[in-house]
Each structure stands twice: as structure tokens, then as C-alpha cells.
Amino acid sequence: MLDNKDFNLGYNWKQDGDVLYLDHLWLDPDHRGQGHGSFVIETLVRLAYYEGAEVVEVSIGGGEATEGWLRDNGFAIIKRRQYDDEWVDEVEGAYGVDAVRRVQKT
């Protein structure tokens, strides 16, 4: 069971609520590979849907592993970001990833 020590996320609304913007997601390594991160991101996509957003935009670190995980969860990678030198020791992966996913309207 996840609790507040096992994951951390940060998100906000952009462009008058049309975009749910996720700028931080961290999951304890002991809980990775079990579907917990996918559950969190899918919950945010559903929140975006119910709030009327059109897009979920993600900008998080993690390099290659995060890029693959985002693709597996329906996101299109739009940019790889090199880290600023001052942050390199504080983030995982070799680069950051920006990605988007359209919110499905029924």
C-alpha cells in the first residue's frame, strides 16, 4: 500500500484549465514496476477529463526509463531536456522528458 512517503507529485492547471501540467512525479524504488506509477498517472488523466481539460502535459526527470514508461502510458514524447549542471546530482536519469497525452472525450 502506498502512503505519502512512497510517492511525491506536483501538478497544476495551465491555460485556464485546458491543460493539466505534471511537473514532478517520484515513486520509491521499492514500488516501481508494480503498476503504482501507472495508476497515479491514469488517475491524473481521469481528473483532467472530469475537469474538462484537453491535454495532460508532463515534464519530469528520469531519462530513458521515464521515456519508456510515459510511452507505455499513452504519452507522446515531445522533448528530451538536458539537466542544468546544478541539478544533476538531485535527479534520476541522464535527461528530463517532456510529453503530452490528449484526454479522450466520449
PDB file of N, CA and C in Angstrom:
ATOM      1  N   MET A   1       0.851  -1.178   0.000  1.00  0.00           N
ATOM      2  CA  MET A   1       0.000   0.000   0.000  1.00  0.00           C
ATOM      3  C   MET A   1       0.896   1.239   0.000  1.00  0.00           C
ATOM      4  N   LEU A   2       0.586   2.187  -0.875  1.00  0.00           N
ATOM      5  CA  LEU A   2       1.343   3.432  -0.952  1.00  0.00           C
ATOM      6  C   LEU A   2       0.897   4.397   0.126  1.00  0.00           C
ATOM      7  N   ASP A   3       1.840   5.159   0.647  1.00  0.00           N
ATOM      8  CA  ASP A   3       1.496   6.272   1.519  1.00  0.00           C
ATOM      9  C   ASP A   3       2.338   7.470   1.109  1.00  0.00           C
ATOM     10  N   ASN A   4       2.251   8.559   1.845  1.00  0.00           N
ATOM     11  CA  ASN A   4       2.917   9.805   1.444  1.00  0.00           C
ATOM     12  C   ASN A   4       4.443   9.732   1.468  1.00  0.00           C
ATOM     13  N   LYS A   5       5.031   8.684   2.022  1.00  0.00           N
ATOM     14  CA  LYS A   5       6.489   8.525   1.969  1.00  0.00           C
ATOM     15  C   LYS A   5       6.928   7.790   0.707  1.00  0.00           C
ATOM     16  N   ASP A   6       5.979   7.143   0.032  1.00  0.00           N
ATOM     17  CA  ASP A   6       6.296   6.312  -1.119  1.00  0.00           C
ATOM     18  C   ASP A   6       6.237   7.041  -2.454  1.00  0.00           C
ATOM     19  N   PHE A   7       5.518   8.140  -2.528  1.00  0.00           N
ATOM     20  CA  PHE A   7       5.484   8.890  -3.775  1.00  0.00           C
ATOM     21  C   PHE A   7       5.270  10.370  -3.495  1.00  0.00           C
ATOM     22  N   ASN A   8       5.647  11.172  -4.496  1.00  0.00           N
ATOM     23  CA  ASN A   8       5.528  12.616  -4.411  1.00  0.00           C
ATOM     24  C   ASN A   8       5.184  13.108  -5.808  1.00  0.00           C
ATOM     25  N   LEU A   9       4.216  13.992  -5.913  1.00  0.00           N
ATOM     26  CA  LEU A   9       3.904  14.534  -7.216  1.00  0.00           C
ATOM     27  C   LEU A   9       3.511  15.986  -7.092  1.00  0.00           C
ATOM     28  N   GLY A  10       3.700  16.694  -8.189  1.00  0.00           N
ATOM     29  CA  GLY A  10       3.315  18.095  -8.253  1.00  0.00           C
ATOM     30  C   GLY A  10       2.643  18.362  -9.581  1.00  0.00           C
ATOM     31  N   TYR A  11       1.488  19.000  -9.528  1.00  0.00           N
ATOM     32  CA  TYR A  11       0.790  19.340 -10.763  1.00  0.00           C
ATOM     33  C   TYR A  11       0.031  20.645 -10.576  1.00  0.00           C
ATOM     34  N   ASN A  12      -0.325  21.260 -11.696  1.00  0.00           N
ATOM     35  CA  ASN A  12      -1.143  22.460 -11.676  1.00  0.00           C
ATOM     36  C   ASN A  12      -1.881  22.574 -13.002  1.00  0.00           C
ATOM     37  N   TRP A  13      -2.770  23.536 -13.080  1.00  0.00           N
ATOM     38  CA  TRP A  13      -3.558  23.767 -14.285  1.00  0.00           C
ATOM     39  C   TRP A  13      -2.948  24.914 -15.071  1.00  0.00           C
ATOM     40  N   LYS A  14      -2.866  24.750 -16.399  1.00  0.00           N
ATOM     41  CA  LYS A  14      -2.356  25.795 -17.286  1.00  0.00           C
ATOM     42  C   LYS A  14      -3.439  26.185 -18.279  1.00  0.00           C
ATOM     43  N   GLN A  15      -3.299  27.365 -18.824  1.00  0.00           N
ATOM     44  CA  GLN A  15      -4.162  27.851 -19.893  1.00  0.00           C
ATOM     45  C   GLN A  15      -5.643  27.725 -19.521  1.00  0.00           C
ATOM     46  N   ASP A  16      -6.005  28.311 -18.416  1.00  0.00           N
ATOM     47  CA  ASP A  16      -7.395  28.343 -17.960  1.00  0.00           C
ATOM     48  C   ASP A  16      -8.016  26.956 -17.809  1.00  0.00           C
ATOM     49  N   GLY A  17      -7.225  26.002 -17.379  1.00  0.00           N
ATOM     50  CA  GLY A  17      -7.754  24.677 -17.102  1.00  0.00           C
ATOM     51  C   GLY A  17      -7.794  23.732 -18.285  1.00  0.00           C
ATOM     52  N   ASP A  18      -7.301  24.151 -19.459  1.00  0.00           N
ATOM     53  CA  ASP A  18      -7.290  23.266 -20.628  1.00  0.00           C
ATOM     54  C   ASP A  18      -6.204  22.200 -20.544  1.00  0.00           C
ATOM     55  N   VAL A  19      -5.189  22.451 -19.722  1.00  0.00           N
ATOM     56  CA  VAL A  19      -4.048  21.544 -19.628  1.00  0.00           C
ATOM     57  C   VAL A  19      -3.765  21.227 -18.165  1.00  0.00           C
ATOM     58  N   LEU A  20      -3.684  19.944 -17.853  1.00  0.00           N
ATOM     59  CA  LEU A  20      -3.194  19.513 -16.552  1.00  0.00           C
ATOM     60  C   LEU A  20      -1.698  19.290 -16.721  1.00  0.00           C
ATOM     61  N   TYR A  21      -0.896  20.034 -15.975  1.00  0.00           N
ATOM     62  CA  TYR A  21       0.556  20.028 -16.125  1.00  0.00           C
ATOM     63  C   TYR A  21       1.190  19.334 -14.929  1.00  0.00           C
ATOM     64  N   LEU A  22       1.856  18.223 -15.186  1.00  0.00           N
ATOM     65  CA  LEU A  22       2.555  17.463 -14.158  1.00  0.00           C
ATOM     66  C   LEU A  22       4.034  17.803 -14.235  1.00  0.00           C
ATOM     67  N   ASP A  23       4.567  18.393 -13.153  1.00  0.00           N
ATOM     68  CA  ASP A  23       5.969  18.806 -13.184  1.00  0.00           C
ATOM     69  C   ASP A  23       6.846  18.028 -12.208  1.00  0.00           C
ATOM     70  N   HIS A  24       6.274  17.080 -11.519  1.00  0.00           N
ATOM     71  CA  HIS A  24       7.087  16.284 -10.596  1.00  0.00           C
ATOM     72  C   HIS A  24       6.346  14.994 -10.274  1.00  0.00           C
ATOM     73  N   LEU A  25       7.018  13.878 -10.446  1.00  0.00           N
ATOM     74  CA  LEU A  25       6.486  12.593 -10.017  1.00  0.00           C
ATOM     75  C   LEU A  25       7.664  11.725  -9.605  1.00  0.00           C
ATOM     76  N   TRP A  26       7.646  11.294  -8.365  1.00  0.00           N
ATOM     77  CA  TRP A  26       8.692  10.428  -7.839  1.00  0.00           C
ATOM     78  C   TRP A  26       8.017   9.274  -7.120  1.00  0.00           C
ATOM     79  N   LEU A  27       8.483   8.076  -7.405  1.00  0.00           N
ATOM     80  CA  LEU A  27       7.956   6.884  -6.770  1.00  0.00           C
ATOM     81  C   LEU A  27       9.120   6.121  -6.152  1.00  0.00           C
ATOM     82  N   ASP A  28       8.974   5.728  -4.895  1.00  0.00           N
ATOM     83  CA  ASP A  28      10.005   4.976  -4.202  1.00  0.00           C
ATOM     84  C   ASP A  28      10.421   3.768  -5.042  1.00  0.00           C
ATOM     85  N   PRO A  29      11.715   3.535  -5.179  1.00  0.00           N
ATOM     86  CA  PRO A  29      12.178   2.402  -5.989  1.00  0.00           C
ATOM     87  C   PRO A  29      11.574   1.058  -5.589  1.00  0.00           C
ATOM     88  N   ASP A  30      11.243   0.867  -4.327  1.00  0.00           N
ATOM     89  CA  ASP A  30      10.639  -0.396  -3.889  1.00  0.00           C
ATOM     90  C   ASP A  30       9.251  -0.623  -4.484  1.00  0.00           C
ATOM     91  N   HIS A  31       8.611   0.441  -4.970  1.00  0.00           N
ATOM     92  CA  HIS A  31       7.258   0.334  -5.514  1.00  0.00           C
ATOM     93  C   HIS A  31       7.217   0.435  -7.034  1.00  0.00           C
ATOM     94  N   ARG A  32       8.367   0.572  -7.665  1.00  0.00           N
ATOM     95  CA  ARG A  32       8.399   0.676  -9.125  1.00  0.00           C
ATOM     96  C   ARG A  32       8.221  -0.710  -9.758  1.00  0.00           C
ATOM     97  N   GLY A  33       7.686  -0.712 -10.957  1.00  0.00           N
ATOM     98  CA  GLY A  33       7.496  -1.955 -11.685  1.00  0.00           C
ATOM     99  C   GLY A  33       6.292  -2.766 -11.242  1.00  0.00           C
ATOM    100  N   GLN A  34       5.443  -2.174 -10.413  1.00  0.00           N
ATOM    101  CA  GLN A  34       4.265  -2.875  -9.897  1.00  0.00           C
ATOM    102  C   GLN A  34       2.957  -2.231 -10.349  1.00  0.00           C
ATOM    103  N   GLY A  35       3.047  -1.227 -11.207  1.00  0.00           N
ATOM    104  CA  GLY A  35       1.852  -0.566 -11.707  1.00  0.00           C
ATOM    105  C   GLY A  35       1.398   0.633 -10.893  1.00  0.00           C
ATOM    106  N   HIS A  36       2.103   0.940  -9.792  1.00  0.00           N
ATOM    107  CA  HIS A  36       1.682   2.062  -8.944  1.00  0.00           C
ATOM    108  C   HIS A  36       1.815   3.410  -9.669  1.00  0.00           C
ATOM    109  N   GLY A  37       2.920   3.621 -10.367  1.00  0.00           N
ATOM    110  CA  GLY A  37       3.104   4.875 -11.098  1.00  0.00           C
ATOM    111  C   GLY A  37       2.082   5.032 -12.207  1.00  0.00           C
ATOM    112  N   SER A  38       1.789   3.936 -12.895  1.00  0.00           N
ATOM    113  CA  SER A  38       0.772   3.971 -13.952  1.00  0.00           C
ATOM    114  C   SER A  38      -0.601   4.286 -13.366  1.00  0.00           C
ATOM    115  N   PHE A  39      -0.882   3.758 -12.185  1.00  0.00           N
ATOM    116  CA  PHE A  39      -2.150   4.066 -11.513  1.00  0.00           C
ATOM    117  C   PHE A  39      -2.241   5.557 -11.193  1.00  0.00           C
ATOM    118  N   VAL A  40      -1.152   6.137 -10.696  1.00  0.00           N
ATOM    119  CA  VAL A  40      -1.141   7.566 -10.358  1.00  0.00           C
ATOM    120  C   VAL A  40      -1.343   8.407 -11.613  1.00  0.00           C
ATOM    121  N   ILE A  41      -0.612   8.107 -12.693  1.00  0.00           N
ATOM    122  CA  ILE A  41      -0.718   8.927 -13.904  1.00  0.00           C
ATOM    123  C   ILE A  41      -2.099   8.768 -14.541  1.00  0.00           C
ATOM    124  N   GLU A  42      -2.658   7.566 -14.515  1.00  0.00           N
ATOM    125  CA  GLU A  42      -4.001   7.366 -15.081  1.00  0.00           C
ATOM    126  C   GLU A  42      -5.052   8.100 -14.251  1.00  0.00           C
ATOM    127  N   THR A  43      -4.863   8.159 -12.948  1.00  0.00           N
ATOM    128  CA  THR A  43      -5.772   8.910 -12.091  1.00  0.00           C
ATOM    129  C   THR A  43      -5.728  10.398 -12.449  1.00  0.00           C
ATOM    130  N   LEU A  44      -4.537  10.927 -12.723  1.00  0.00           N
ATOM    131  CA  LEU A  44      -4.422  12.332 -13.130  1.00  0.00           C
ATOM    132  C   LEU A  44      -5.078  12.568 -14.484  1.00  0.00           C
ATOM    133  N   VAL A  45      -4.946  11.622 -15.405  1.00  0.00           N
ATOM    134  CA  VAL A  45      -5.601  11.763 -16.713  1.00  0.00           C
ATOM    135  C   VAL A  45      -7.119  11.782 -16.528  1.00  0.00           C
ATOM    136  N   ARG A  46      -7.633  10.940 -15.661  1.00  0.00           N
ATOM    137  CA  ARG A  46      -9.080  10.933 -15.399  1.00  0.00           C
ATOM    138  C   ARG A  46      -9.529  12.223 -14.724  1.00  0.00           C
ATOM    139  N   LEU A  47      -8.726  12.734 -13.806  1.00  0.00           N
ATOM    140  CA  LEU A  47      -9.026  14.020 -13.193  1.00  0.00           C
ATOM    141  C   LEU A  47      -9.108  15.102 -14.261  1.00  0.00           C
ATOM    142  N   ALA A  48      -8.132  15.105 -15.176  1.00  0.00           N
ATOM    143  CA  ALA A  48      -8.139  16.080 -16.270  1.00  0.00           C
ATOM    144  C   ALA A  48      -9.414  15.954 -17.094  1.00  0.00           C
ATOM    145  N   TYR A  49      -9.831  14.734 -17.380  1.00  0.00           N
ATOM    146  CA  TYR A  49     -11.053  14.500 -18.146  1.00  0.00           C
ATOM    147  C   TYR A  49     -12.261  15.101 -17.428  1.00  0.00           C
ATOM    148  N   TYR A  50     -12.406  14.776 -16.162  1.00  0.00           N
ATOM    149  CA  TYR A  50     -13.579  15.247 -15.418  1.00  0.00           C
ATOM    150  C   TYR A  50     -13.573  16.758 -15.199  1.00  0.00           C
ATOM    151  N   GLU A  51     -12.404  17.355 -15.234  1.00  0.00           N
ATOM    152  CA  GLU A  51     -12.317  18.807 -15.085  1.00  0.00           C
ATOM    153  C   GLU A  51     -12.394  19.536 -16.425  1.00  0.00           C
ATOM    154  N   GLY A  52     -12.522  18.788 -17.518  1.00  0.00           N
ATOM    155  CA  GLY A  52     -12.692  19.393 -18.829  1.00  0.00           C
ATOM    156  C   GLY A  52     -11.414  19.740 -19.561  1.00  0.00           C
ATOM    157  N   ALA A  53     -10.277  19.266 -19.090  1.00  0.00           N
ATOM    158  CA  ALA A  53      -9.007  19.545 -19.769  1.00  0.00           C
ATOM    159  C   ALA A  53      -8.936  18.765 -21.078  1.00  0.00           C
ATOM    160  N   GLU A  54      -8.138  19.268 -21.983  1.00  0.00           N
ATOM    161  CA  GLU A  54      -7.952  18.619 -23.270  1.00  0.00           C
ATOM    162  C   GLU A  54      -6.657  17.825 -23.342  1.00  0.00           C
ATOM    163  N   VAL A  55      -5.684  18.212 -22.514  1.00  0.00           N
ATOM    164  CA  VAL A  55      -4.343  17.626 -22.607  1.00  0.00           C
ATOM    165  C   VAL A  55      -3.756  17.455 -21.212  1.00  0.00           C
ATOM    166  N   VAL A  56      -2.970  16.393 -21.040  1.00  0.00           N
ATOM    167  CA  VAL A  56      -2.101  16.256 -19.874  1.00  0.00           C
ATOM    168  C   VAL A  56      -0.686  16.411 -20.397  1.00  0.00           C
ATOM    169  N   GLU A  57       0.031  17.351 -19.818  1.00  0.00           N
ATOM    170  CA  GLU A  57       1.412  17.634 -20.209  1.00  0.00           C
ATOM    171  C   GLU A  57       2.320  17.260 -19.038  1.00  0.00           C
ATOM    172  N   VAL A  58       3.413  16.586 -19.347  1.00  0.00           N
ATOM    173  CA  VAL A  58       4.327  16.086 -18.326  1.00  0.00           C
ATOM    174  C   VAL A  58       5.721  16.628 -18.592  1.00  0.00           C
ATOM    175  N   SER A  59       6.403  17.046 -17.534  1.00  0.00           N
ATOM    176  CA  SER A  59       7.797  17.472 -17.625  1.00  0.00           C
ATOM    177  C   SER A  59       8.507  16.960 -16.380  1.00  0.00           C
ATOM    178  N   ILE A  60       9.109  15.777 -16.496  1.00  0.00           N
ATOM    179  CA  ILE A  60       9.737  15.136 -15.341  1.00  0.00           C
ATOM    180  C   ILE A  60      11.082  14.540 -15.729  1.00  0.00           C
ATOM    181  N   GLY A  61      11.868  14.222 -14.731  1.00  0.00           N
ATOM    182  CA  GLY A  61      13.169  13.608 -14.953  1.00  0.00           C
ATOM    183  C   GLY A  61      13.066  12.103 -15.069  1.00  0.00           C
ATOM    184  N   GLY A  62      14.207  11.475 -15.240  1.00  0.00           N
ATOM    185  CA  GLY A  62      14.245  10.025 -15.244  1.00  0.00           C
ATOM    186  C   GLY A  62      14.861   9.405 -16.476  1.00  0.00           C
ATOM    187  N   GLY A  63      15.118  10.213 -17.484  1.00  0.00           N
ATOM    188  CA  GLY A  63      15.803   9.731 -18.663  1.00  0.00           C
ATOM    189  C   GLY A  63      15.070   8.633 -19.416  1.00  0.00           C
ATOM    190  N   GLU A  64      15.839   7.675 -19.894  1.00  0.00           N
ATOM    191  CA  GLU A  64      15.331   6.612 -20.751  1.00  0.00           C
ATOM    192  C   GLU A  64      14.214   5.797 -20.097  1.00  0.00           C
ATOM    193  N   ALA A  65      14.356   5.491 -18.818  1.00  0.00           N
ATOM    194  CA  ALA A  65      13.335   4.701 -18.123  1.00  0.00           C
ATOM    195  C   ALA A  65      12.002   5.445 -18.089  1.00  0.00           C
ATOM    196  N   THR A  66      12.037   6.737 -17.797  1.00  0.00           N
ATOM    197  CA  THR A  66      10.816   7.533 -17.759  1.00  0.00           C
ATOM    198  C   THR A  66      10.216   7.675 -19.149  1.00  0.00           C
ATOM    199  N   GLU A  67      11.067   7.856 -20.135  1.00  0.00           N
ATOM    200  CA  GLU A  67      10.586   8.000 -21.509  1.00  0.00           C
ATOM    201  C   GLU A  67       9.794   6.751 -21.927  1.00  0.00           C
ATOM    202  N   GLY A  68      10.324   5.583 -21.668  1.00  0.00           N
ATOM    203  CA  GLY A  68       9.628   4.338 -21.991  1.00  0.00           C
ATOM    204  C   GLY A  68       8.337   4.184 -21.210  1.00  0.00           C
ATOM    205  N   TRP A  69       8.381   4.527 -19.936  1.00  0.00           N
ATOM    206  CA  TRP A  69       7.194   4.422 -19.083  1.00  0.00           C
ATOM    207  C   TRP A  69       6.084   5.348 -19.574  1.00  0.00           C
ATOM    208  N   LEU A  70       6.445   6.573 -19.959  1.00  0.00           N
ATOM    209  CA  LEU A  70       5.445   7.505 -20.470  1.00  0.00           C
ATOM    210  C   LEU A  70       4.831   6.990 -21.767  1.00  0.00           C
ATOM    211  N   ARG A  71       5.646   6.470 -22.661  1.00  0.00           N
ATOM    212  CA  ARG A  71       5.114   5.897 -23.904  1.00  0.00           C
ATOM    213  C   ARG A  71       4.149   4.749 -23.596  1.00  0.00           C
ATOM    214  N   ASP A  72       4.534   3.891 -22.661  1.00  0.00           N
ATOM    215  CA  ASP A  72       3.676   2.767 -22.274  1.00  0.00           C
ATOM    216  C   ASP A  72       2.335   3.230 -21.724  1.00  0.00           C
ATOM    217  N   ASN A  73       2.299   4.465 -21.201  1.00  0.00           N
ATOM    218  CA  ASN A  73       1.077   5.013 -20.623  1.00  0.00           C
ATOM    219  C   ASN A  73       0.381   5.998 -21.554  1.00  0.00           C
ATOM    220  N   GLY A  74       0.674   5.899 -22.849  1.00  0.00           N
ATOM    221  CA  GLY A  74      -0.074   6.655 -23.852  1.00  0.00           C
ATOM    222  C   GLY A  74       0.406   8.059 -24.148  1.00  0.00           C
ATOM    223  N   PHE A  75       1.590   8.427 -23.675  1.00  0.00           N
ATOM    224  CA  PHE A  75       2.121   9.767 -23.900  1.00  0.00           C
ATOM    225  C   PHE A  75       3.031   9.796 -25.123  1.00  0.00           C
ATOM    226  N   ALA A  76       3.028  10.923 -25.811  1.00  0.00           N
ATOM    227  CA  ALA A  76       3.949  11.167 -26.914  1.00  0.00           C
ATOM    228  C   ALA A  76       5.084  12.038 -26.392  1.00  0.00           C
ATOM    229  N   ILE A  77       6.307  11.613 -26.615  1.00  0.00           N
ATOM    230  CA  ILE A  77       7.480  12.378 -26.178  1.00  0.00           C
ATOM    231  C   ILE A  77       7.673  13.540 -27.132  1.00  0.00           C
ATOM    232  N   ILE A  78       7.761  14.746 -26.575  1.00  0.00           N
ATOM    233  CA  ILE A  78       7.952  15.914 -27.435  1.00  0.00           C
ATOM    234  C   ILE A  78       9.333  16.547 -27.268  1.00  0.00           C
ATOM    235  N   LYS A  79      10.028  16.206 -26.168  1.00  0.00           N
ATOM    236  CA  LYS A  79      11.334  16.827 -25.962  1.00  0.00           C
ATOM    237  C   LYS A  79      12.122  16.064 -24.901  1.00  0.00           C
ATOM    238  N   ARG A  80      13.411  15.952 -25.123  1.00  0.00           N
ATOM    239  CA  ARG A  80      14.353  15.499 -24.091  1.00  0.00           C
ATOM    240  C   ARG A  80      15.111  16.738 -23.635  1.00  0.00           C
ATOM    241  N   ARG A  81      15.167  16.942 -22.310  1.00  0.00           N
ATOM    242  CA  ARG A  81      15.839  18.118 -21.754  1.00  0.00           C
ATOM    243  C   ARG A  81      17.100  17.713 -21.021  1.00  0.00           C
ATOM    244  N   GLN A  82      18.182  18.367 -21.352  1.00  0.00           N
ATOM    245  CA  GLN A  82      19.411  18.165 -20.592  1.00  0.00           C
ATOM    246  C   GLN A  82      19.277  18.900 -19.267  1.00  0.00           C
ATOM    247  N   TYR A  83      19.768  18.309 -18.219  1.00  0.00           N
ATOM    248  CA  TYR A  83      19.699  18.940 -16.904  1.00  0.00           C
ATOM    249  C   TYR A  83      20.702  20.066 -16.791  1.00  0.00           C
ATOM    250  N   ASP A  84      20.324  21.095 -16.031  1.00  0.00           N
ATOM    251  CA  ASP A  84      21.278  22.131 -15.665  1.00  0.00           C
ATOM    252  C   ASP A  84      22.303  21.496 -14.734  1.00  0.00           C
ATOM    253  N   ASP A  85      23.549  21.914 -14.840  1.00  0.00           N
ATOM    254  CA  ASP A  85      24.621  21.322 -14.041  1.00  0.00           C
ATOM    255  C   ASP A  85      24.340  21.324 -12.549  1.00  0.00           C
ATOM    256  N   GLU A  86      23.681  22.365 -12.060  1.00  0.00           N
ATOM    257  CA  GLU A  86      23.453  22.471 -10.619  1.00  0.00           C
ATOM    258  C   GLU A  86      22.443  21.442 -10.103  1.00  0.00           C
ATOM    259  N   TRP A  87      21.621  20.849 -10.988  1.00  0.00           N
ATOM    260  CA  TRP A  87      20.594  19.897 -10.560  1.00  0.00           C
ATOM    261  C   TRP A  87      20.971  18.446 -10.814  1.00  0.00           C
ATOM    262  N   VAL A  88      22.052  18.190 -11.502  1.00  0.00           N
ATOM    263  CA  VAL A  88      22.379  16.838 -11.939  1.00  0.00           C
ATOM    264  C   VAL A  88      22.429  15.836 -10.792  1.00  0.00           C
ATOM    265  N   ASP A  89      22.936  16.204  -9.654  1.00  0.00           N
ATOM    266  CA  ASP A  89      23.050  15.273  -8.537  1.00  0.00           C
ATOM    267  C   ASP A  89      21.726  15.005  -7.837  1.00  0.00           C
ATOM    268  N   GLU A  90      20.701  15.793  -8.126  1.00  0.00           N
ATOM    269  CA  GLU A  90      19.435  15.677  -7.400  1.00  0.00           C
ATOM    270  C   GLU A  90      18.337  14.975  -8.184  1.00  0.00           C
ATOM    271  N   VAL A  91      18.602  14.552  -9.409  1.00  0.00           N
ATOM    272  CA  VAL A  91      17.572  13.917 -10.232  1.00  0.00           C
ATOM    273  C   VAL A  91      18.067  12.588 -10.779  1.00  0.00           C
ATOM    274  N   GLU A  92      17.127  11.735 -11.130  1.00  0.00           N
ATOM    275  CA  GLU A  92      17.467  10.438 -11.697  1.00  0.00           C
ATOM    276  C   GLU A  92      17.504  10.523 -13.212  1.00  0.00           C
ATOM    277  N   GLY A  93      18.246   9.629 -13.828  1.00  0.00           N
ATOM    278  CA  GLY A  93      18.301   9.559 -15.281  1.00  0.00           C
ATOM    279  C   GLY A  93      19.257  10.566 -15.870  1.00  0.00           C
ATOM    280  N   ALA A  94      19.549  10.381 -17.153  1.00  0.00           N
ATOM    281  CA  ALA A  94      20.518  11.230 -17.834  1.00  0.00           C
ATOM    282  C   ALA A  94      19.912  12.513 -18.384  1.00  0.00           C
ATOM    283  N   TYR A  95      18.584  12.578 -18.451  1.00  0.00           N
ATOM    284  CA  TYR A  95      17.919  13.756 -19.008  1.00  0.00           C
ATOM    285  C   TYR A  95      16.473  13.801 -18.531  1.00  0.00           C
ATOM    286  N   GLY A  96      15.835  14.932 -18.744  1.00  0.00           N
ATOM    287  CA  GLY A  96      14.419  15.078 -18.423  1.00  0.00           C
ATOM    288  C   GLY A  96      13.572  14.842 -19.662  1.00  0.00           C
ATOM    289  N   VAL A  97      12.293  14.603 -19.450  1.00  0.00           N
ATOM    290  CA  VAL A  97      11.393  14.267 -20.548  1.00  0.00           C
ATOM    291  C   VAL A  97      10.151  15.158 -20.488  1.00  0.00           C
ATOM    292  N   ASP A  98       9.791  15.717 -21.640  1.00  0.00           N
ATOM    293  CA  ASP A  98       8.525  16.423 -21.791  1.00  0.00           C
ATOM    294  C   ASP A  98       7.648  15.574 -22.697  1.00  0.00           C
ATOM    295  N   ALA A  99       6.393  15.376 -22.300  1.00  0.00           N
ATOM    296  CA  ALA A  99       5.488  14.530 -23.069  1.00  0.00           C
ATOM    297  C   ALA A  99       4.059  15.044 -22.937  1.00  0.00           C
ATOM    298  N   VAL A 100       3.202  14.631 -23.853  1.00  0.00           N
ATOM    299  CA  VAL A 100       1.792  15.025 -23.819  1.00  0.00           C
ATOM    300  C   VAL A 100       0.917  13.818 -24.112  1.00  0.00           C
ATOM    301  N   ARG A 101      -0.298  13.912 -23.588  1.00  0.00           N
ATOM    302  CA  ARG A 101      -1.324  12.917 -23.880  1.00  0.00           C
ATOM    303  C   ARG A 101      -2.658  13.639 -23.979  1.00  0.00           C
ATOM    304  N   ARG A 102      -3.357  13.428 -25.072  1.00  0.00           N
ATOM    305  CA  ARG A 102      -4.687  14.002 -25.231  1.00  0.00           C
ATOM    306  C   ARG A 102      -5.643  13.275 -24.292  1.00  0.00           C
ATOM    307  N   VAL A 103      -6.569  14.027 -23.746  1.00  0.00           N
ATOM    308  CA  VAL A 103      -7.596  13.457 -22.888  1.00  0.00           C
ATOM    309  C   VAL A 103      -8.729  12.999 -23.790  1.00  0.00           C
ATOM    310  N   GLN A 104      -9.097  11.744 -23.681  1.00  0.00           N
ATOM    311  CA  GLN A 104     -10.147  11.164 -24.523  1.00  0.00           C
ATOM    312  C   GLN A 104     -11.523  11.664 -24.089  1.00  0.00           C
ATOM    313  N   LYS A 105     -12.212  12.283 -25.002  1.00  0.00           N
ATOM    314  CA  LYS A 105     -13.587  12.727 -24.749  1.00  0.00           C
ATOM    315  C   LYS A 105     -14.533  11.676 -25.322  1.00  0.00           C
ATOM    316  N   THR A 106     -15.559  11.326 -24.559  1.00  0.00           N
ATOM    317  CA  THR A 106     -16.515  10.336 -25.053  1.00  0.00           C
ATOM    318  C   THR A 106     -17.795  10.987 -25.500  1.00  0.00           C
TER     319      THR A 106
END
